[in-house]
Amino acid sequence: FSFGHWELLQRDNLPRHNRLEEVLGRSPRR
């Protein structure tokens, strides 16, 4: 846990466009 984490936890930290399936060609692991 760091100052950077404290900063990030206060706002959504999500991919604006999640490209994981595009790269993997499958659904991600759970």
All heavy atoms as atom14 arrays in JSON, in Angstrom:
{
  "sequence": "FSFGHWELLQRDNLPRHNRLEEVLGRSPRR",
  "atom14_mask": [
    [1, 1, 1, 1, 1, 1, 1, 1, 1, 1, 1, 0, 0, 0],
    [1, 1, 1, 1, 1, 1, 0, 0, 0, 0, 0, 0, 0, 0],
    [1, 1, 1, 1, 1, 1, 1, 1, 1, 1, 1, 0, 0, 0],
    [1, 1, 1, 1, 0, 0, 0, 0, 0, 0, 0, 0, 0, 0],
    [1, 1, 1, 1, 1, 1, 1, 1, 1, 1, 0, 0, 0, 0],
    [1, 1, 1, 1, 1, 1, 1, 1, 1, 1, 1, 1, 1, 1],
    [1, 1, 1, 1, 1, 1, 1, 1, 1, 0, 0, 0, 0, 0],
    [1, 1, 1, 1, 1, 1, 1, 1, 0, 0, 0, 0, 0, 0],
    [1, 1, 1, 1, 1, 1, 1, 1, 0, 0, 0, 0, 0, 0],
    [1, 1, 1, 1, 1, 1, 1, 1, 1, 0, 0, 0, 0, 0],
    [1, 1, 1, 1, 1, 1, 1, 1, 1, 1, 1, 0, 0, 0],
    [1, 1, 1, 1, 1, 1, 1, 1, 0, 0, 0, 0, 0, 0],
    [1, 1, 1, 1, 1, 1, 1, 1, 0, 0, 0, 0, 0, 0],
    [1, 1, 1, 1, 1, 1, 1, 1, 0, 0, 0, 0, 0, 0],
    [1, 1, 1, 1, 1, 1, 1, 0, 0, 0, 0, 0, 0, 0],
    [1, 1, 1, 1, 1, 1, 1, 1, 1, 1, 1, 0, 0, 0],
    [1, 1, 1, 1, 1, 1, 1, 1, 1, 1, 0, 0, 0, 0],
    [1, 1, 1, 1, 1, 1, 1, 1, 0, 0, 0, 0, 0, 0],
    [1, 1, 1, 1, 1, 1, 1, 1, 1, 1, 1, 0, 0, 0],
    [1, 1, 1, 1, 1, 1, 1, 1, 0, 0, 0, 0, 0, 0],
    [1, 1, 1, 1, 1, 1, 1, 1, 1, 0, 0, 0, 0, 0],
    [1, 1, 1, 1, 1, 1, 1, 1, 1, 0, 0, 0, 0, 0],
    [1, 1, 1, 1, 1, 1, 1, 0, 0, 0, 0, 0, 0, 0],
    [1, 1, 1, 1, 1, 1, 1, 1, 0, 0, 0, 0, 0, 0],
    [1, 1, 1, 1, 0, 0, 0, 0, 0, 0, 0, 0, 0, 0],
    [1, 1, 1, 1, 1, 1, 1, 1, 1, 1, 1, 0, 0, 0],
    [1, 1, 1, 1, 1, 1, 0, 0, 0, 0, 0, 0, 0, 0],
    [1, 1, 1, 1, 1, 1, 1, 0, 0, 0, 0, 0, 0, 0],
    [1, 1, 1, 1, 1, 1, 1, 1, 1, 1, 1, 0, 0, 0],
    [1, 1, 1, 1, 1, 1, 1, 1, 1, 1, 1, 0, 0, 0]
  ],
  "atom14_positions": [
    [[0.85, -1.2, 0.0], [0.0, 0.0, 0.0], [0.88, 1.24, 0.0], [1.74, 1.41, 0.84], [-0.92, 0.0, 1.21], [-1.91, 1.14, 1.21], [-2.86, 1.25, 0.2], [-1.89, 2.1, 2.21], [-3.77, 2.3, 0.19], [-2.81, 3.14, 2.21], [-3.74, 3.25, 1.2], [0.0, 0.0, 0.0], [0.0, 0.0, 0.0], [0.0, 0.0, 0.0]],
    [[0.65, 2.1, -0.98], [1.49, 3.27, -1.18], [0.63, 4.49, -1.41], [-0.6, 4.41, -1.56], [2.42, 3.06, -2.39], [1.64, 3.02, -3.59], [0.0, 0.0, 0.0], [0.0, 0.0, 0.0], [0.0, 0.0, 0.0], [0.0, 0.0, 0.0], [0.0, 0.0, 0.0], [0.0, 0.0, 0.0], [0.0, 0.0, 0.0], [0.0, 0.0, 0.0]],
    [[1.28, 5.66, -1.47], [0.57, 6.89, -1.77], [-0.09, 6.81, -3.15], [-1.21, 7.28, -3.35], [1.51, 8.09, -1.7], [0.85, 9.4, -2.04], [-0.15, 9.92, -1.24], [1.23, 10.11, -3.17], [-0.76, 11.13, -1.55], [0.62, 11.32, -3.5], [-0.38, 11.83, -2.68], [0.0, 0.0, 0.0], [0.0, 0.0, 0.0], [0.0, 0.0, 0.0]],
    [[0.6, 6.2, -4.1], [0.02, 6.02, -5.42], [-1.24, 5.18, -5.37], [-2.23, 5.49, -6.04], [0.0, 0.0, 0.0], [0.0, 0.0, 0.0], [0.0, 0.0, 0.0], [0.0, 0.0, 0.0], [0.0, 0.0, 0.0], [0.0, 0.0, 0.0], [0.0, 0.0, 0.0], [0.0, 0.0, 0.0], [0.0, 0.0, 0.0], [0.0, 0.0, 0.0]],
    [[-1.25, 4.11, -4.58], [-2.45, 3.28, -4.44], [-3.57, 4.07, -3.78], [-4.73, 3.98, -4.19], [-2.13, 2.03, -3.6], [-1.3, 1.02, -4.32], [-0.06, 0.65, -3.87], [-1.51, 0.32, -5.45], [0.46, -0.25, -4.69], [-0.4, -0.46, -5.66], [0.0, 0.0, 0.0], [0.0, 0.0, 0.0], [0.0, 0.0, 0.0], [0.0, 0.0, 0.0]],
    [[-3.25, 4.83, -2.74], [-4.26, 5.64, -2.07], [-4.92, 6.59, -3.07], [-6.14, 6.78, -3.06], [-3.6, 6.44, -0.94], [-4.51, 7.43, -0.29], [-5.43, 7.19, 0.71], [-4.61, 8.83, -0.59], [-6.09, 8.35, 1.03], [-5.6, 9.37, 0.25], [-3.95, 9.67, -1.48], [-5.96, 10.73, 0.22], [-4.3, 11.01, -1.52], [-5.29, 11.53, -0.68]],
    [[-4.1, 7.14, -3.96], [-4.62, 8.05, -4.97], [-5.53, 7.32, -5.96], [-6.63, 7.79, -6.3], [-3.45, 8.71, -5.7], [-3.82, 9.88, -6.57], [-2.59, 10.59, -7.12], [-1.46, 10.17, -6.83], [-2.78, 11.58, -7.86], [0.0, 0.0, 0.0], [0.0, 0.0, 0.0], [0.0, 0.0, 0.0], [0.0, 0.0, 0.0], [0.0, 0.0, 0.0]],
    [[-5.1, 6.15, -6.43], [-5.85, 5.42, -7.44], [-7.17, 4.85, -6.9], [-8.16, 4.76, -7.64], [-5.0, 4.27, -8.0], [-3.83, 4.68, -8.89], [-3.0, 3.45, -9.25], [-4.33, 5.37, -10.15], [0.0, 0.0, 0.0], [0.0, 0.0, 0.0], [0.0, 0.0, 0.0], [0.0, 0.0, 0.0], [0.0, 0.0, 0.0], [0.0, 0.0, 0.0]],
    [[-7.2, 4.47, -5.62], [-8.4, 3.85, -5.06], [-9.58, 4.81, -4.97], [-10.72, 4.38, -4.8], [-8.09, 3.3, -3.66], [-7.25, 2.02, -3.6], [-6.84, 1.72, -2.17], [-8.02, 0.85, -4.2], [0.0, 0.0, 0.0], [0.0, 0.0, 0.0], [0.0, 0.0, 0.0], [0.0, 0.0, 0.0], [0.0, 0.0, 0.0], [0.0, 0.0, 0.0]],
    [[-9.32, 6.09, -5.12], [-10.39, 7.08, -4.97], [-11.14, 7.35, -6.28], [-12.08, 8.14, -6.3], [-9.81, 8.39, -4.42], [-9.22, 8.19, -3.03], [-8.59, 9.46, -2.49], [-9.28, 10.41, -2.15], [-7.27, 9.48, -2.42], [0.0, 0.0, 0.0], [0.0, 0.0, 0.0], [0.0, 0.0, 0.0], [0.0, 0.0, 0.0], [0.0, 0.0, 0.0]],
    [[-10.74, 6.69, -7.35], [-11.44, 6.83, -8.63], [-11.43, 5.49, -9.35], [-10.61, 4.62, -9.05], [-10.77, 7.91, -9.49], [-9.3, 7.65, -9.8], [-8.74, 8.77, -10.67], [-7.36, 8.53, -11.1], [-6.33, 9.24, -10.72], [-6.49, 10.26, -9.9], [-5.12, 8.97, -11.18], [0.0, 0.0, 0.0], [0.0, 0.0, 0.0], [0.0, 0.0, 0.0]],
    [[-12.35, 5.34, -10.29], [-12.37, 4.11, -11.06], [-11.03, 3.92, -11.78], [-10.49, 4.87, -12.37], [-13.49, 4.15, -12.11], [-14.86, 3.88, -11.5], [-14.92, 3.46, -10.33], [-15.87, 4.09, -12.2], [0.0, 0.0, 0.0], [0.0, 0.0, 0.0], [0.0, 0.0, 0.0], [0.0, 0.0, 0.0], [0.0, 0.0, 0.0], [0.0, 0.0, 0.0]],
    [[-10.5, 2.71, -11.71], [-9.24, 2.39, -12.37], [-9.51, 1.21, -13.31], [-9.06, 0.09, -13.09], [-8.18, 2.04, -11.33], [-6.79, 1.99, -11.92], [-6.51, 2.61, -12.95], [-5.92, 1.24, -11.3], [0.0, 0.0, 0.0], [0.0, 0.0, 0.0], [0.0, 0.0, 0.0], [0.0, 0.0, 0.0], [0.0, 0.0, 0.0], [0.0, 0.0, 0.0]],
    [[-10.28, 1.52, -14.36], [-10.76, 0.5, -15.3], [-10.24, 0.79, -16.7], [-9.99, 1.96, -17.04], [-12.29, 0.49, -15.34], [-13.03, 0.29, -14.02], [-14.51, 0.54, -14.21], [-12.79, -1.11, -13.49], [0.0, 0.0, 0.0], [0.0, 0.0, 0.0], [0.0, 0.0, 0.0], [0.0, 0.0, 0.0], [0.0, 0.0, 0.0], [0.0, 0.0, 0.0]],
    [[-10.07, -0.24, -17.52], [-9.73, 0.02, -18.92], [-10.82, 0.85, -19.6], [-12.01, 0.56, -19.45], [-9.64, -1.38, -19.54], [-9.45, -2.31, -18.38], [-10.18, -1.68, -17.23], [0.0, 0.0, 0.0], [0.0, 0.0, 0.0], [0.0, 0.0, 0.0], [0.0, 0.0, 0.0], [0.0, 0.0, 0.0], [0.0, 0.0, 0.0], [0.0, 0.0, 0.0]],
    [[-10.42, 1.88, -20.32], [-11.41, 2.66, -21.07], [-12.01, 1.79, -22.17], [-13.19, 1.9, -22.48], [-10.75, 3.91, -21.64], [-10.43, 4.97, -20.59], [-9.51, 6.04, -21.12], [-8.17, 5.53, -21.36], [-7.13, 6.29, -21.69], [-7.28, 7.61, -21.8], [-5.93, 5.76, -21.89], [0.0, 0.0, 0.0], [0.0, 0.0, 0.0], [0.0, 0.0, 0.0]],
    [[-11.19, 0.96, -22.77], [-11.64, -0.04, -23.74], [-10.82, -1.29, -23.49], [-9.63, -1.33, -23.79], [-11.45, 0.46, -25.18], [-11.71, -0.58, -26.22], [-12.86, -1.35, -26.24], [-10.97, -1.01, -27.28], [-12.82, -2.19, -27.26], [-11.69, -2.01, -27.91], [0.0, 0.0, 0.0], [0.0, 0.0, 0.0], [0.0, 0.0, 0.0], [0.0, 0.0, 0.0]],
    [[-11.46, -2.28, -22.9], [-10.74, -3.49, -22.5], [-10.44, -4.34, -23.73], [-11.36, -4.88, -24.36], [-11.55, -4.28, -21.48], [-10.76, -5.38, -20.82], [-9.63, -5.68, -21.2], [-11.34, -5.99, -19.8], [0.0, 0.0, 0.0], [0.0, 0.0, 0.0], [0.0, 0.0, 0.0], [0.0, 0.0, 0.0], [0.0, 0.0, 0.0], [0.0, 0.0, 0.0]],
    [[-9.17, -4.5, -24.05], [-8.78, -5.2, -25.27], [-8.24, -6.61, -25.0], [-7.63, -7.23, -25.87], [-7.73, -4.38, -26.04], [-8.22, -2.98, -26.38], [-7.22, -2.21, -27.21], [-7.07, -2.77, -28.55], [-6.22, -2.28, -29.47], [-5.47, -1.24, -29.18], [-6.14, -2.85, -30.66], [0.0, 0.0, 0.0], [0.0, 0.0, 0.0], [0.0, 0.0, 0.0]],
    [[-8.5, -7.12, -23.8], [-7.92, -8.42, -23.44], [-8.44, -9.54, -24.33], [-7.66, -10.35, -24.85], [-8.2, -8.73, -21.97], [-7.56, -10.01, -21.43], [-6.04, -9.97, -21.58], [-7.93, -10.25, -19.98], [0.0, 0.0, 0.0], [0.0, 0.0, 0.0], [0.0, 0.0, 0.0], [0.0, 0.0, 0.0], [0.0, 0.0, 0.0], [0.0, 0.0, 0.0]],
    [[-9.75, -9.61, -24.52], [-10.29, -10.68, -25.37], [-9.81, -10.53, -26.81], [-9.57, -11.53, -27.5], [-11.82, -10.67, -25.31], [-12.38, -11.23, -24.02], [-13.85, -11.57, -24.12], [-14.31, -11.91, -25.24], [-14.55, -11.49, -23.1], [0.0, 0.0, 0.0], [0.0, 0.0, 0.0], [0.0, 0.0, 0.0], [0.0, 0.0, 0.0], [0.0, 0.0, 0.0]],
    [[-9.67, -9.3, -27.27], [-9.18, -9.05, -28.62], [-7.79, -9.65, -28.81], [-7.48, -10.21, -29.86], [-9.14, -7.54, -28.86], [-8.58, -7.12, -30.21], [-8.44, -5.61, -30.31], [-8.83, -4.89, -29.37], [-7.91, -5.15, -31.34], [0.0, 0.0, 0.0], [0.0, 0.0, 0.0], [0.0, 0.0, 0.0], [0.0, 0.0, 0.0], [0.0, 0.0, 0.0]],
    [[-6.95, -9.55, -27.79], [-5.59, -10.06, -27.88], [-5.54, -11.57, -27.67], [-4.87, -12.3, -28.4], [-4.67, -9.34, -26.87], [-3.26, -9.94, -26.9], [-4.61, -7.85, -27.16], [0.0, 0.0, 0.0], [0.0, 0.0, 0.0], [0.0, 0.0, 0.0], [0.0, 0.0, 0.0], [0.0, 0.0, 0.0], [0.0, 0.0, 0.0], [0.0, 0.0, 0.0]],
    [[-6.28, -12.06, -26.67], [-6.22, -13.49, -26.33], [-7.04, -14.35, -27.27], [-6.74, -15.54, -27.45], [-6.71, -13.71, -24.89], [-5.89, -13.11, -23.76], [-6.5, -13.49, -22.42], [-4.43, -13.54, -23.82], [0.0, 0.0, 0.0], [0.0, 0.0, 0.0], [0.0, 0.0, 0.0], [0.0, 0.0, 0.0], [0.0, 0.0, 0.0], [0.0, 0.0, 0.0]],
    [[-8.1, -13.81, -27.83], [-8.99, -14.62, -28.64], [-9.87, -15.54, -27.82], [-10.41, -16.52, -28.33], [0.0, 0.0, 0.0], [0.0, 0.0, 0.0], [0.0, 0.0, 0.0], [0.0, 0.0, 0.0], [0.0, 0.0, 0.0], [0.0, 0.0, 0.0], [0.0, 0.0, 0.0], [0.0, 0.0, 0.0], [0.0, 0.0, 0.0], [0.0, 0.0, 0.0]],
    [[-10.04, -15.21, -26.55], [-10.88, -16.0, -25.64], [-11.25, -15.13, -24.46], [-10.72, -14.02, -24.28], [-10.14, -17.25, -25.14], [-8.86, -16.94, -24.39], [-8.3, -18.16, -23.67], [-6.99, -17.9, -23.08], [-6.78, -17.29, -21.93], [-7.81, -16.83, -21.22], [-5.57, -17.11, -21.47], [0.0, 0.0, 0.0], [0.0, 0.0, 0.0], [0.0, 0.0, 0.0]],
    [[-12.15, -15.63, -23.63], [-12.51, -14.92, -22.41], [-11.37, -15.04, -21.39], [-10.66, -16.06, -21.36], [-13.8, -15.49, -21.8], [-14.88, -15.3, -22.68], [0.0, 0.0, 0.0], [0.0, 0.0, 0.0], [0.0, 0.0, 0.0], [0.0, 0.0, 0.0], [0.0, 0.0, 0.0], [0.0, 0.0, 0.0], [0.0, 0.0, 0.0], [0.0, 0.0, 0.0]],
    [[-11.2, -14.05, -20.56], [-10.13, -14.13, -19.54], [-10.48, -15.11, -18.44], [-11.64, -15.5, -18.27], [-10.06, -12.7, -18.99], [-11.42, -12.13, -19.23], [-11.91, -12.76, -20.51], [0.0, 0.0, 0.0], [0.0, 0.0, 0.0], [0.0, 0.0, 0.0], [0.0, 0.0, 0.0], [0.0, 0.0, 0.0], [0.0, 0.0, 0.0], [0.0, 0.0, 0.0]],
    [[-9.47, -15.54, -17.73], [-9.68, -16.39, -16.57], [-10.45, -15.62, -15.5], [-10.36, -14.4, -15.4], [-8.34, -16.84, -15.98], [-7.54, -17.8, -16.85], [-6.2, -18.08, -16.19], [-5.46, -19.13, -16.84], [-4.6, -18.94, -17.84], [-4.4, -17.71, -18.32], [-3.94, -19.96, -18.38], [0.0, 0.0, 0.0], [0.0, 0.0, 0.0], [0.0, 0.0, 0.0]],
    [[-11.16, -16.36, -14.67], [-11.85, -15.77, -13.53], [-10.82, -15.42, -12.46], [-10.02, -16.27, -12.06], [-12.89, -16.74, -12.98], [-13.63, -16.22, -11.74], [-14.7, -17.22, -11.32], [-14.12, -18.49, -10.91], [-13.68, -18.74, -9.68], [-13.74, -17.8, -8.75], [-13.2, -19.93, -9.38], [0.0, 0.0, 0.0], [0.0, 0.0, 0.0], [0.0, 0.0, 0.0]]
  ]
}
